[in-house]
C-alpha cells in the first residue's frame, strides 16, 4: 500500500492486489484509490506521540535534589537526530525546530518496521 499527498487536501492510497500466491507486477491495473474522507473512521483514534531528546540515568537521591535551573546531561549530542515514537513504537527520526515561540519536531527519516 502506498500513500501520497494530493493538492486538494485529500490523501490517496493505492492498494495492489493479486491472486493468492502471485506477486503484483508494477503497472498492473489492480489499484484502488481512497480519499481521506473514506478514512474518517480512524481520524478520532487516539495515539500517543513522543519525541525523545535523550535519556539520563539517576539515583533516586539525585532525582530528589533536582530543582529549577538544574542542567541534566543526556546521552545524545547537540544536533543528533531525536527518536519519534507512536504508541511506544519507533516510527521516525527528526530534528528539533523552533516554531514562533514553541518547540516542534520535523521528521527527517521514516524508520521501517521490523517484522
Protein backbone atom coordinates (compact mmCIF):
# COMPACT_ATOMS: atom_id res chain seq x y z
CA UNK A 1 0.00 0.00 0.00
CA UNK A 2 1.39 3.39 -0.92
CA UNK A 3 0.23 6.89 0.03
CA UNK A 4 0.79 10.32 -1.39
CA UNK A 5 -0.39 13.83 -0.59
CA UNK A 6 -2.76 15.49 -3.03
CA UNK A 7 -3.14 19.21 -3.74
CA UNK A 8 -6.84 19.17 -2.76
CA UNK A 9 -6.04 18.15 0.85
CA UNK A 10 -7.00 14.51 0.39
CA UNK A 11 -4.65 11.59 0.83
CA UNK A 12 -4.95 8.95 -1.83
CA UNK A 13 -4.00 5.34 -1.16
CA UNK A 14 -3.28 2.71 -3.75
CA UNK A 15 -3.71 -0.93 -2.81
CA UNK A 16 -2.21 -3.52 -5.12
CA UNK A 17 -3.84 -6.91 -5.14
CA UNK A 18 -3.12 -10.13 -6.98
CA UNK A 19 -4.43 -13.68 -6.87
CA UNK A 20 -3.24 -15.50 -3.78
CA UNK A 21 0.38 -16.56 -4.06
CA UNK A 22 1.15 -14.35 -7.05
CA UNK A 23 3.09 -11.07 -6.76
CA UNK A 24 1.63 -7.81 -8.02
CA UNK A 25 3.53 -6.54 -11.03
CA UNK A 26 4.20 -2.81 -11.41
CA UNK A 27 1.87 -1.25 -13.93
CA UNK A 28 -0.94 -3.78 -13.40
CA UNK A 29 -4.44 -2.30 -13.25
CA UNK A 30 -5.12 -3.63 -9.73
CA UNK A 31 -5.16 -0.39 -7.78
CA UNK A 32 -7.95 1.28 -5.83
CA UNK A 33 -7.88 4.93 -4.81
CA UNK A 34 -9.24 6.06 -1.42
CA UNK A 35 -9.59 9.65 -0.25
CA UNK A 36 -9.11 10.87 3.30
CA UNK A 37 -12.91 11.25 3.61
CA UNK A 38 -13.21 7.47 3.31
CA UNK A 39 -10.77 7.04 6.20
CA UNK A 40 -12.81 9.16 8.65
CA UNK A 41 -13.37 6.13 10.90
CA UNK A 42 -9.73 6.25 12.03
CA UNK A 43 -9.39 10.06 12.37
CA UNK A 44 -10.52 10.05 16.02
CA UNK A 45 -8.39 7.09 17.14
CA UNK A 46 -6.09 8.45 19.86
CA UNK A 47 -2.36 7.84 19.56
CA UNK A 48 0.47 8.87 21.86
CA UNK A 49 3.35 10.60 20.07
CA UNK A 50 6.67 11.01 21.92
CA UNK A 51 9.82 12.78 20.78
CA UNK A 52 12.80 11.51 22.79
CA UNK A 53 15.55 14.12 23.02
CA UNK A 54 17.78 11.86 25.07
CA UNK A 55 17.93 9.82 28.26
CA UNK A 56 19.67 10.13 31.59
CA UNK A 57 20.09 7.64 34.41
CA UNK A 58 19.87 8.93 38.02
CA UNK A 59 19.72 7.54 41.50
CA UNK A 60 16.58 8.46 43.45
CA UNK A 61 18.75 10.60 45.78
CA UNK A 62 19.96 12.68 42.80
CA UNK A 63 16.47 12.88 41.33
CA UNK A 64 15.08 14.34 44.57
CA UNK A 65 17.78 17.02 44.55
CA UNK A 66 16.80 18.37 41.11
CA UNK A 67 15.38 21.85 41.12
CA UNK A 68 14.61 24.75 38.78
CA UNK A 69 17.60 25.58 36.59
CA UNK A 70 19.29 22.20 37.05
CA UNK A 71 21.08 21.01 33.92
CA UNK A 72 20.71 17.32 33.22
CA UNK A 73 23.23 15.68 30.87
CA UNK A 74 21.56 13.47 28.26
CA UNK A 75 23.04 10.60 26.26
CA UNK A 76 22.76 12.50 22.94
CA UNK A 77 24.85 15.25 21.41
CA UNK A 78 23.56 18.59 20.13
CA UNK A 79 22.39 18.20 16.53
CA UNK A 80 21.97 14.42 16.78
CA UNK A 81 18.64 13.07 15.49
CA UNK A 82 15.88 12.53 18.02
CA UNK A 83 13.65 9.44 18.09
CA UNK A 84 9.92 9.80 17.38
CA UNK A 85 7.63 7.12 18.82
CA UNK A 86 3.95 6.47 18.17
CA UNK A 87 2.33 4.30 20.84
CA UNK A 88 5.79 3.25 22.10
CA UNK A 89 6.92 2.15 18.63
CA UNK A 90 9.85 3.87 16.92
CA UNK A 91 8.50 5.26 13.63
CA UNK A 92 10.84 8.11 12.67
CA UNK A 93 13.85 10.24 13.47
CA UNK A 94 13.84 14.00 13.33
CA UNK A 95 15.19 17.35 14.42
CA UNK A 96 14.01 19.91 16.95
CA UNK A 97 12.77 23.13 15.34
CA UNK A 98 11.56 26.45 16.71
CA UNK A 99 8.09 27.47 15.52
CA UNK A 100 7.33 31.02 16.64
CA UNK A 101 7.98 30.71 20.39
CA UNK A 102 7.37 26.95 20.71
CA UNK A 103 9.48 23.86 20.10
CA UNK A 104 8.48 21.43 17.39
CA UNK A 105 9.84 18.37 15.65
CA UNK A 106 10.37 17.82 11.95
CA UNK A 107 10.68 14.26 10.65
CA UNK A 108 13.82 13.64 8.62
CA UNK A 109 13.72 9.85 8.32
CA UNK A 110 10.96 7.22 8.48
CA UNK A 111 12.07 4.05 10.26
CA UNK A 112 10.93 0.88 8.52
CA UNK A 113 9.14 -1.61 10.73
CA UNK A 114 10.99 -4.81 11.54
CA UNK A 115 8.64 -7.77 11.39
